[in-house]
Amino acid sequence: MLTRRQTLALLTATPAALTMFPNMAIAQKPKVFQNPVAINAIDPIAYFEESKPVPGSADHTVVWNGAEWHFASRSNASKFESDPETYAPVFGGYCAFAASRGYLAPTIPEAWTIHEGKLYLNANLRAQELWRQDIPGNIAAGLKNWPGILG
């Protein structure tokens, strides 16, 4: 945990560094939520086919969109590999409700929704509840914010 003095020093140093190095890029968040594997190492195919989160295995890995994805079976890995856009969660697996509000948040496997054939994940069950109150409106707001909120 940073002390107040350390935090103030960081806040002061950042603008100075940008002045001295104006072409220095500010790091962008990854396009896919990783902890350290995409979507907490949960098999995204399972949400569609088993209607629940199922842990993936490092034995069945696909690298896509800058992230490592784990699957419960080679069959699921192959399905994902052949059509990742169909199975990958919208907003890169970050919380869909947070994206609709203009920020990024990690997700948990238990808070998920499939809407019109797309997978959406949420930070917690309360965020999922709020998300579900206006799914079409939240999707529209999230798409308006995405991918700008990556930084």
N, C-alpha and C. Protein backbone atom coordinates (compact mmCIF):
# COMPACT_ATOMS: atom_id res chain seq x y z
N MET A 1 0.84 -1.17 0.00
CA MET A 1 0.00 0.00 0.00
C MET A 1 0.89 1.24 0.00
N LEU A 2 0.58 2.18 -0.84
CA LEU A 2 1.38 3.40 -0.92
C LEU A 2 1.00 4.36 0.19
N THR A 3 2.01 5.07 0.70
CA THR A 3 1.73 6.11 1.67
C THR A 3 1.20 7.33 0.93
N ARG A 4 0.66 8.26 1.67
CA ARG A 4 0.15 9.49 1.06
C ARG A 4 1.27 10.22 0.32
N ARG A 5 2.44 10.26 0.91
CA ARG A 5 3.59 10.94 0.30
C ARG A 5 3.98 10.27 -1.01
N GLN A 6 4.00 8.92 -1.04
CA GLN A 6 4.34 8.20 -2.26
C GLN A 6 3.30 8.44 -3.36
N THR A 7 2.04 8.44 -2.97
CA THR A 7 0.96 8.69 -3.94
C THR A 7 1.08 10.09 -4.53
N LEU A 8 1.32 11.08 -3.69
CA LEU A 8 1.48 12.46 -4.18
C LEU A 8 2.70 12.57 -5.10
N ALA A 9 3.76 11.87 -4.77
CA ALA A 9 4.96 11.90 -5.62
C ALA A 9 4.67 11.31 -6.98
N LEU A 10 3.92 10.22 -7.01
CA LEU A 10 3.55 9.61 -8.29
C LEU A 10 2.67 10.54 -9.12
N LEU A 11 1.71 11.17 -8.47
CA LEU A 11 0.81 12.08 -9.18
C LEU A 11 1.55 13.29 -9.73
N THR A 12 2.56 13.74 -9.01
CA THR A 12 3.36 14.88 -9.45
C THR A 12 4.32 14.47 -10.56
N ALA A 13 4.89 13.28 -10.45
CA ALA A 13 5.89 12.83 -11.41
C ALA A 13 5.30 12.52 -12.79
N THR A 14 4.08 12.03 -12.84
CA THR A 14 3.49 11.63 -14.12
C THR A 14 3.37 12.79 -15.10
N PRO A 15 2.78 13.94 -14.72
CA PRO A 15 2.74 15.05 -15.69
C PRO A 15 4.13 15.54 -16.09
N ALA A 16 5.07 15.52 -15.15
CA ALA A 16 6.42 15.96 -15.46
C ALA A 16 7.05 15.01 -16.48
N ALA A 17 6.85 13.73 -16.31
CA ALA A 17 7.41 12.75 -17.25
C ALA A 17 6.79 12.94 -18.63
N LEU A 18 5.51 13.22 -18.69
CA LEU A 18 4.86 13.42 -19.99
C LEU A 18 5.35 14.69 -20.67
N THR A 19 5.72 15.69 -19.89
CA THR A 19 6.27 16.92 -20.45
C THR A 19 7.67 16.66 -21.02
N MET A 20 8.45 15.88 -20.29
CA MET A 20 9.81 15.59 -20.73
C MET A 20 9.83 14.59 -21.89
N PHE A 21 8.87 13.70 -21.91
CA PHE A 21 8.81 12.65 -22.93
C PHE A 21 7.42 12.65 -23.56
N PRO A 22 7.08 13.65 -24.38
CA PRO A 22 5.71 13.78 -24.90
C PRO A 22 5.28 12.63 -25.81
N ASN A 23 6.21 11.92 -26.40
CA ASN A 23 5.84 10.81 -27.28
C ASN A 23 5.73 9.48 -26.54
N MET A 24 5.92 9.49 -25.24
CA MET A 24 5.83 8.28 -24.45
C MET A 24 4.37 7.83 -24.38
N ALA A 25 4.13 6.60 -24.70
CA ALA A 25 2.76 6.08 -24.69
C ALA A 25 2.36 5.68 -23.28
N ILE A 26 1.12 5.94 -22.95
CA ILE A 26 0.58 5.49 -21.68
C ILE A 26 0.03 4.09 -21.91
N ALA A 27 0.36 3.17 -21.03
CA ALA A 27 -0.04 1.77 -21.20
C ALA A 27 -1.55 1.64 -21.27
N GLN A 28 -1.98 0.84 -22.22
CA GLN A 28 -3.39 0.56 -22.38
C GLN A 28 -3.71 -0.75 -21.68
N LYS A 29 -4.89 -0.87 -21.13
CA LYS A 29 -5.32 -2.12 -20.51
C LYS A 29 -5.44 -3.20 -21.58
N PRO A 30 -5.21 -4.46 -21.21
CA PRO A 30 -5.38 -5.54 -22.19
C PRO A 30 -6.82 -5.59 -22.71
N LYS A 31 -6.99 -6.01 -23.95
CA LYS A 31 -8.32 -6.10 -24.55
C LYS A 31 -9.18 -7.17 -23.91
N VAL A 32 -8.53 -8.10 -23.21
CA VAL A 32 -9.24 -9.21 -22.57
C VAL A 32 -8.89 -9.23 -21.09
N PHE A 33 -9.93 -9.38 -20.23
CA PHE A 33 -9.70 -9.51 -18.80
C PHE A 33 -8.94 -10.80 -18.53
N GLN A 34 -7.78 -10.67 -17.85
CA GLN A 34 -6.92 -11.81 -17.57
C GLN A 34 -6.55 -11.83 -16.10
N ASN A 35 -6.61 -13.00 -15.52
CA ASN A 35 -6.32 -13.13 -14.10
C ASN A 35 -5.58 -14.42 -13.79
N PRO A 36 -4.44 -14.79 -14.25
CA PRO A 36 -3.69 -14.24 -15.37
C PRO A 36 -4.15 -14.80 -16.72
N VAL A 37 -5.07 -15.77 -16.69
CA VAL A 37 -5.60 -16.37 -17.91
C VAL A 37 -6.93 -15.69 -18.22
N ALA A 38 -7.32 -15.64 -19.48
CA ALA A 38 -8.57 -14.99 -19.87
C ALA A 38 -9.74 -15.51 -19.04
N ILE A 39 -10.57 -14.60 -18.65
CA ILE A 39 -11.82 -14.80 -17.89
C ILE A 39 -11.67 -15.84 -16.77
N ASN A 40 -10.63 -15.67 -15.97
CA ASN A 40 -10.40 -16.51 -14.79
C ASN A 40 -10.23 -17.99 -15.12
N ALA A 41 -9.73 -18.29 -16.31
CA ALA A 41 -9.48 -19.67 -16.76
C ALA A 41 -10.77 -20.50 -16.85
N ILE A 42 -11.89 -19.83 -17.07
CA ILE A 42 -13.17 -20.52 -17.26
C ILE A 42 -13.37 -20.77 -18.75
N ASP A 43 -13.90 -21.92 -19.09
CA ASP A 43 -14.16 -22.30 -20.48
C ASP A 43 -15.38 -21.52 -20.99
N PRO A 44 -15.21 -20.58 -21.93
CA PRO A 44 -16.36 -19.80 -22.39
C PRO A 44 -17.42 -20.63 -23.12
N ILE A 45 -17.01 -21.72 -23.74
CA ILE A 45 -17.96 -22.59 -24.45
C ILE A 45 -18.97 -23.19 -23.46
N ALA A 46 -18.53 -23.49 -22.25
CA ALA A 46 -19.40 -24.11 -21.25
C ALA A 46 -20.60 -23.23 -20.91
N TYR A 47 -20.42 -21.92 -20.90
CA TYR A 47 -21.58 -21.04 -20.63
C TYR A 47 -22.70 -21.30 -21.63
N PHE A 48 -22.33 -21.54 -22.88
CA PHE A 48 -23.32 -21.77 -23.93
C PHE A 48 -23.86 -23.20 -23.91
N GLU A 49 -23.00 -24.16 -23.67
CA GLU A 49 -23.41 -25.56 -23.81
C GLU A 49 -23.80 -26.25 -22.52
N GLU A 50 -23.30 -25.76 -21.39
CA GLU A 50 -23.64 -26.39 -20.10
C GLU A 50 -24.39 -25.45 -19.17
N SER A 51 -24.57 -24.21 -19.62
CA SER A 51 -25.29 -23.18 -18.84
C SER A 51 -24.70 -22.98 -17.45
N LYS A 52 -23.38 -23.05 -17.37
CA LYS A 52 -22.69 -22.80 -16.11
C LYS A 52 -21.21 -22.59 -16.38
N PRO A 53 -20.51 -21.94 -15.44
CA PRO A 53 -19.06 -21.80 -15.59
C PRO A 53 -18.37 -23.13 -15.28
N VAL A 54 -17.46 -23.51 -16.15
CA VAL A 54 -16.69 -24.74 -15.98
C VAL A 54 -15.21 -24.37 -16.11
N PRO A 55 -14.39 -24.77 -15.13
CA PRO A 55 -12.97 -24.46 -15.23
C PRO A 55 -12.33 -25.09 -16.47
N GLY A 56 -11.48 -24.32 -17.11
CA GLY A 56 -10.71 -24.83 -18.22
C GLY A 56 -9.43 -25.46 -17.71
N SER A 57 -8.67 -26.02 -18.62
CA SER A 57 -7.42 -26.69 -18.27
C SER A 57 -6.29 -26.15 -19.16
N ALA A 58 -5.11 -26.06 -18.58
CA ALA A 58 -3.95 -25.64 -19.37
C ALA A 58 -3.62 -26.66 -20.45
N ASP A 59 -4.19 -27.86 -20.36
CA ASP A 59 -3.99 -28.88 -21.39
C ASP A 59 -4.71 -28.53 -22.69
N HIS A 60 -5.71 -27.64 -22.59
CA HIS A 60 -6.50 -27.24 -23.76
C HIS A 60 -6.49 -25.71 -23.83
N THR A 61 -5.47 -25.18 -24.47
CA THR A 61 -5.21 -23.74 -24.49
C THR A 61 -5.29 -23.20 -25.91
N VAL A 62 -5.86 -22.00 -26.02
CA VAL A 62 -5.88 -21.27 -27.28
C VAL A 62 -5.41 -19.85 -26.95
N VAL A 63 -4.52 -19.31 -27.77
CA VAL A 63 -4.11 -17.91 -27.62
C VAL A 63 -4.87 -17.11 -28.66
N TRP A 64 -5.63 -16.13 -28.18
CA TRP A 64 -6.44 -15.29 -29.07
C TRP A 64 -6.60 -13.90 -28.47
N ASN A 65 -6.51 -12.90 -29.29
CA ASN A 65 -6.73 -11.50 -28.90
C ASN A 65 -5.83 -11.08 -27.73
N GLY A 66 -4.58 -11.57 -27.77
CA GLY A 66 -3.61 -11.18 -26.76
C GLY A 66 -3.75 -11.88 -25.42
N ALA A 67 -4.53 -12.95 -25.37
CA ALA A 67 -4.75 -13.64 -24.10
C ALA A 67 -4.71 -15.15 -24.30
N GLU A 68 -4.41 -15.83 -23.21
CA GLU A 68 -4.46 -17.30 -23.19
C GLU A 68 -5.81 -17.71 -22.63
N TRP A 69 -6.50 -18.57 -23.36
CA TRP A 69 -7.83 -19.06 -22.96
C TRP A 69 -7.71 -20.55 -22.65
N HIS A 70 -8.37 -21.00 -21.58
CA HIS A 70 -8.36 -22.41 -21.22
C HIS A 70 -9.74 -23.01 -21.45
N PHE A 71 -9.75 -24.30 -21.80
CA PHE A 71 -10.99 -25.00 -22.13
C PHE A 71 -11.04 -26.34 -21.41
N ALA A 72 -12.24 -26.82 -21.16
CA ALA A 72 -12.43 -28.08 -20.45
C ALA A 72 -12.09 -29.28 -21.33
N SER A 73 -12.13 -29.09 -22.65
CA SER A 73 -11.85 -30.21 -23.56
C SER A 73 -11.20 -29.69 -24.84
N ARG A 74 -10.57 -30.59 -25.57
CA ARG A 74 -9.99 -30.22 -26.87
C ARG A 74 -11.10 -29.81 -27.84
N SER A 75 -12.24 -30.46 -27.74
CA SER A 75 -13.39 -30.13 -28.59
C SER A 75 -13.82 -28.67 -28.39
N ASN A 76 -13.91 -28.25 -27.13
CA ASN A 76 -14.30 -26.86 -26.86
C ASN A 76 -13.23 -25.88 -27.35
N ALA A 77 -11.97 -26.24 -27.18
CA ALA A 77 -10.90 -25.38 -27.67
C ALA A 77 -10.99 -25.23 -29.19
N SER A 78 -11.30 -26.32 -29.87
CA SER A 78 -11.43 -26.28 -31.34
C SER A 78 -12.61 -25.41 -31.77
N LYS A 79 -13.72 -25.52 -31.06
CA LYS A 79 -14.90 -24.68 -31.38
C LYS A 79 -14.54 -23.20 -31.25
N PHE A 80 -13.86 -22.87 -30.16
CA PHE A 80 -13.47 -21.48 -29.93
C PHE A 80 -12.50 -21.01 -31.01
N GLU A 81 -11.52 -21.84 -31.30
CA GLU A 81 -10.50 -21.50 -32.29
C GLU A 81 -11.12 -21.22 -33.66
N SER A 82 -12.15 -21.98 -34.02
CA SER A 82 -12.77 -21.81 -35.34
C SER A 82 -13.68 -20.59 -35.41
N ASP A 83 -14.17 -20.08 -34.25
CA ASP A 83 -15.09 -18.94 -34.27
C ASP A 83 -15.06 -18.20 -32.93
N PRO A 84 -13.92 -17.61 -32.57
CA PRO A 84 -13.80 -16.98 -31.25
C PRO A 84 -14.79 -15.84 -31.01
N GLU A 85 -15.14 -15.09 -32.04
CA GLU A 85 -16.06 -13.96 -31.86
C GLU A 85 -17.44 -14.42 -31.37
N THR A 86 -17.81 -15.63 -31.70
CA THR A 86 -19.11 -16.15 -31.26
C THR A 86 -19.10 -16.48 -29.77
N TYR A 87 -17.99 -16.99 -29.27
CA TYR A 87 -17.94 -17.50 -27.89
C TYR A 87 -17.27 -16.56 -26.88
N ALA A 88 -16.40 -15.70 -27.34
CA ALA A 88 -15.71 -14.80 -26.41
C ALA A 88 -16.71 -13.81 -25.82
N PRO A 89 -16.56 -13.48 -24.55
CA PRO A 89 -17.48 -12.52 -23.95
C PRO A 89 -17.31 -11.12 -24.54
N VAL A 90 -18.42 -10.42 -24.62
CA VAL A 90 -18.41 -9.03 -25.08
C VAL A 90 -17.64 -8.20 -24.03
N PHE A 91 -17.04 -7.12 -24.47
CA PHE A 91 -16.24 -6.23 -23.63
C PHE A 91 -15.01 -6.95 -23.07
N GLY A 92 -14.50 -7.92 -23.81
CA GLY A 92 -13.27 -8.60 -23.45
C GLY A 92 -13.33 -9.39 -22.16
N GLY A 93 -14.52 -9.66 -21.67
CA GLY A 93 -14.64 -10.38 -20.41
C GLY A 93 -14.58 -9.48 -19.19
N TYR A 94 -14.43 -8.17 -19.42
CA TYR A 94 -14.55 -7.23 -18.30
C TYR A 94 -16.04 -7.10 -17.96
N CYS A 95 -16.33 -6.53 -16.82
CA CYS A 95 -17.71 -6.40 -16.37
C CYS A 95 -18.53 -5.57 -17.36
N ALA A 96 -19.59 -6.17 -17.87
CA ALA A 96 -20.46 -5.50 -18.85
C ALA A 96 -21.19 -4.32 -18.22
N PHE A 97 -21.57 -4.43 -16.95
CA PHE A 97 -22.24 -3.31 -16.30
C PHE A 97 -21.27 -2.14 -16.13
N ALA A 98 -20.05 -2.43 -15.70
CA ALA A 98 -19.04 -1.37 -15.56
C ALA A 98 -18.78 -0.71 -16.91
N ALA A 99 -18.67 -1.50 -17.98
CA ALA A 99 -18.45 -0.93 -19.31
C ALA A 99 -19.58 0.00 -19.69
N SER A 100 -20.81 -0.34 -19.31
CA SER A 100 -21.94 0.53 -19.62
C SER A 100 -21.87 1.86 -18.86
N ARG A 101 -21.11 1.86 -17.78
CA ARG A 101 -20.95 3.08 -16.97
C ARG A 101 -19.63 3.80 -17.27
N GLY A 102 -18.82 3.24 -18.20
CA GLY A 102 -17.62 3.93 -18.64
C GLY A 102 -16.34 3.58 -17.93
N TYR A 103 -16.29 2.44 -17.25
CA TYR A 103 -15.05 2.03 -16.60
C TYR A 103 -14.87 0.52 -16.70
N LEU A 104 -13.68 0.04 -16.34
CA LEU A 104 -13.37 -1.38 -16.37
C LEU A 104 -13.45 -1.97 -14.97
N ALA A 105 -13.91 -3.21 -14.89
CA ALA A 105 -13.91 -3.95 -13.63
C ALA A 105 -13.68 -5.42 -13.95
N PRO A 106 -12.98 -6.12 -13.05
CA PRO A 106 -12.79 -7.56 -13.24
C PRO A 106 -14.13 -8.29 -13.08
N THR A 107 -14.14 -9.56 -13.40
CA THR A 107 -15.38 -10.32 -13.32
C THR A 107 -15.19 -11.60 -12.51
N ILE A 108 -16.33 -12.17 -12.12
CA ILE A 108 -16.33 -13.47 -11.46
C ILE A 108 -17.11 -14.44 -12.35
N PRO A 109 -16.75 -15.72 -12.33
CA PRO A 109 -17.41 -16.68 -13.21
C PRO A 109 -18.91 -16.84 -12.98
N GLU A 110 -19.37 -16.65 -11.76
CA GLU A 110 -20.77 -16.90 -11.42
C GLU A 110 -21.73 -15.83 -11.92
N ALA A 111 -21.23 -14.67 -12.27
CA ALA A 111 -22.09 -13.55 -12.70
C ALA A 111 -22.02 -13.43 -14.21
N TRP A 112 -22.93 -14.08 -14.89
CA TRP A 112 -22.90 -14.12 -16.36
C TRP A 112 -24.31 -14.12 -16.92
N THR A 113 -24.40 -13.73 -18.18
CA THR A 113 -25.67 -13.69 -18.90
C THR A 113 -25.38 -13.98 -20.37
N ILE A 114 -26.21 -14.78 -20.98
CA ILE A 114 -26.18 -14.91 -22.44
C ILE A 114 -27.42 -14.19 -22.94
N HIS A 115 -27.20 -13.18 -23.77
CA HIS A 115 -28.29 -12.38 -24.33
C HIS A 115 -28.11 -12.32 -25.84
N GLU A 116 -29.12 -12.75 -26.55
CA GLU A 116 -29.11 -12.76 -28.02
C GLU A 116 -27.83 -13.40 -28.56
N GLY A 117 -27.47 -14.54 -27.96
CA GLY A 117 -26.33 -15.33 -28.44
C GLY A 117 -24.96 -14.80 -28.08
N LYS A 118 -24.89 -13.81 -27.20
CA LYS A 118 -23.61 -13.24 -26.78
C LYS A 118 -23.44 -13.40 -25.28
N LEU A 119 -22.19 -13.64 -24.85
CA LEU A 119 -21.86 -13.82 -23.45
C LEU A 119 -21.42 -12.50 -22.83
N TYR A 120 -22.01 -12.18 -21.68
CA TYR A 120 -21.65 -10.99 -20.92
C TYR A 120 -21.31 -11.43 -19.50
N LEU A 121 -20.22 -10.89 -18.96
CA LEU A 121 -19.80 -11.21 -17.60
C LEU A 121 -19.93 -9.97 -16.72
N ASN A 122 -20.07 -10.19 -15.42
CA ASN A 122 -20.20 -9.08 -14.48
C ASN A 122 -19.24 -9.25 -13.30
N ALA A 123 -18.98 -8.15 -12.62
CA ALA A 123 -18.03 -8.12 -11.51
C ALA A 123 -18.51 -8.91 -10.31
N ASN A 124 -19.81 -8.92 -10.09
CA ASN A 124 -20.39 -9.63 -8.95
C ASN A 124 -21.89 -9.82 -9.21
N LEU A 125 -22.57 -10.47 -8.29
CA LEU A 125 -23.99 -10.76 -8.50
C LEU A 125 -24.85 -9.50 -8.44
N ARG A 126 -24.44 -8.51 -7.67
CA ARG A 126 -25.19 -7.24 -7.63
C ARG A 126 -25.07 -6.51 -8.97
N ALA A 127 -23.87 -6.48 -9.54
CA ALA A 127 -23.68 -5.85 -10.86
C ALA A 127 -24.50 -6.60 -11.90
N GLN A 128 -24.56 -7.91 -11.78
CA GLN A 128 -25.37 -8.70 -12.71
C GLN A 128 -26.85 -8.33 -12.59
N GLU A 129 -27.31 -8.16 -11.38
CA GLU A 129 -28.71 -7.76 -11.15
C GLU A 129 -29.00 -6.40 -11.79
N LEU A 130 -28.11 -5.45 -11.59
CA LEU A 130 -28.28 -4.12 -12.20
C LEU A 130 -28.19 -4.19 -13.72
N TRP A 131 -27.29 -5.00 -14.23
CA TRP A 131 -27.11 -5.21 -15.67
C TRP A 131 -28.41 -5.71 -16.30
N ARG A 132 -29.02 -6.68 -15.63
CA ARG A 132 -30.22 -7.32 -16.17
C ARG A 132 -31.46 -6.44 -16.13
N GLN A 133 -31.42 -5.33 -15.40
CA GLN A 133 -32.57 -4.42 -15.35
C GLN A 133 -32.81 -3.73 -16.69
N ASP A 134 -31.76 -3.56 -17.49
CA ASP A 134 -31.91 -2.92 -18.80
C ASP A 134 -30.79 -3.42 -19.72
N ILE A 135 -30.86 -4.68 -20.09
CA ILE A 135 -29.80 -5.27 -20.90
C ILE A 135 -29.59 -4.52 -22.21
N PRO A 136 -30.63 -4.26 -23.02
CA PRO A 136 -30.38 -3.54 -24.29
C PRO A 136 -29.76 -2.15 -24.08
N GLY A 137 -30.24 -1.42 -23.09
CA GLY A 137 -29.69 -0.09 -22.80
C GLY A 137 -28.26 -0.17 -22.31
N ASN A 138 -27.98 -1.16 -21.48
CA ASN A 138 -26.62 -1.32 -20.97
C ASN A 138 -25.66 -1.76 -22.07
N ILE A 139 -26.13 -2.60 -22.98
CA ILE A 139 -25.28 -3.00 -24.11
C ILE A 139 -24.96 -1.78 -24.97
N ALA A 140 -25.98 -0.99 -25.28
CA ALA A 140 -25.77 0.20 -26.12
C ALA A 140 -24.77 1.16 -25.46
N ALA A 141 -24.93 1.38 -24.16
CA ALA A 141 -24.02 2.29 -23.46
C ALA A 141 -22.60 1.71 -23.43
N GLY A 142 -22.49 0.42 -23.18
CA GLY A 142 -21.18 -0.22 -23.15
C GLY A 142 -20.48 -0.16 -24.49
N LEU A 143 -21.23 -0.41 -25.57
CA LEU A 143 -20.64 -0.35 -26.91
C LEU A 143 -20.18 1.07 -27.25
N LYS A 144 -20.90 2.05 -26.74
CA LYS A 144 -20.51 3.45 -26.96
C LYS A 144 -19.18 3.75 -26.25
N ASN A 145 -18.98 3.15 -25.08
CA ASN A 145 -17.76 3.37 -24.30
C ASN A 145 -16.58 2.52 -24.76
N TRP A 146 -16.87 1.42 -25.42
CA TRP A 146 -15.85 0.44 -25.81
C TRP A 146 -15.26 0.77 -27.16
N PRO A 147 -13.99 0.68 -27.41
CA PRO A 147 -12.91 0.27 -26.51
C PRO A 147 -12.21 1.44 -25.84
N GLY A 148 -12.78 2.64 -25.91
CA GLY A 148 -12.15 3.83 -25.32
C GLY A 148 -11.77 3.68 -23.86
N ILE A 149 -12.53 2.88 -23.10
CA ILE A 149 -12.23 2.74 -21.68
C ILE A 149 -10.99 1.89 -21.41
N LEU A 150 -10.43 1.30 -22.45
CA LEU A 150 -9.19 0.54 -22.25
C LEU A 150 -7.99 1.44 -21.98
N GLY A 151 -8.15 2.72 -22.24
CA GLY A 151 -7.08 3.66 -21.92
C GLY A 151 -6.38 4.26 -23.05
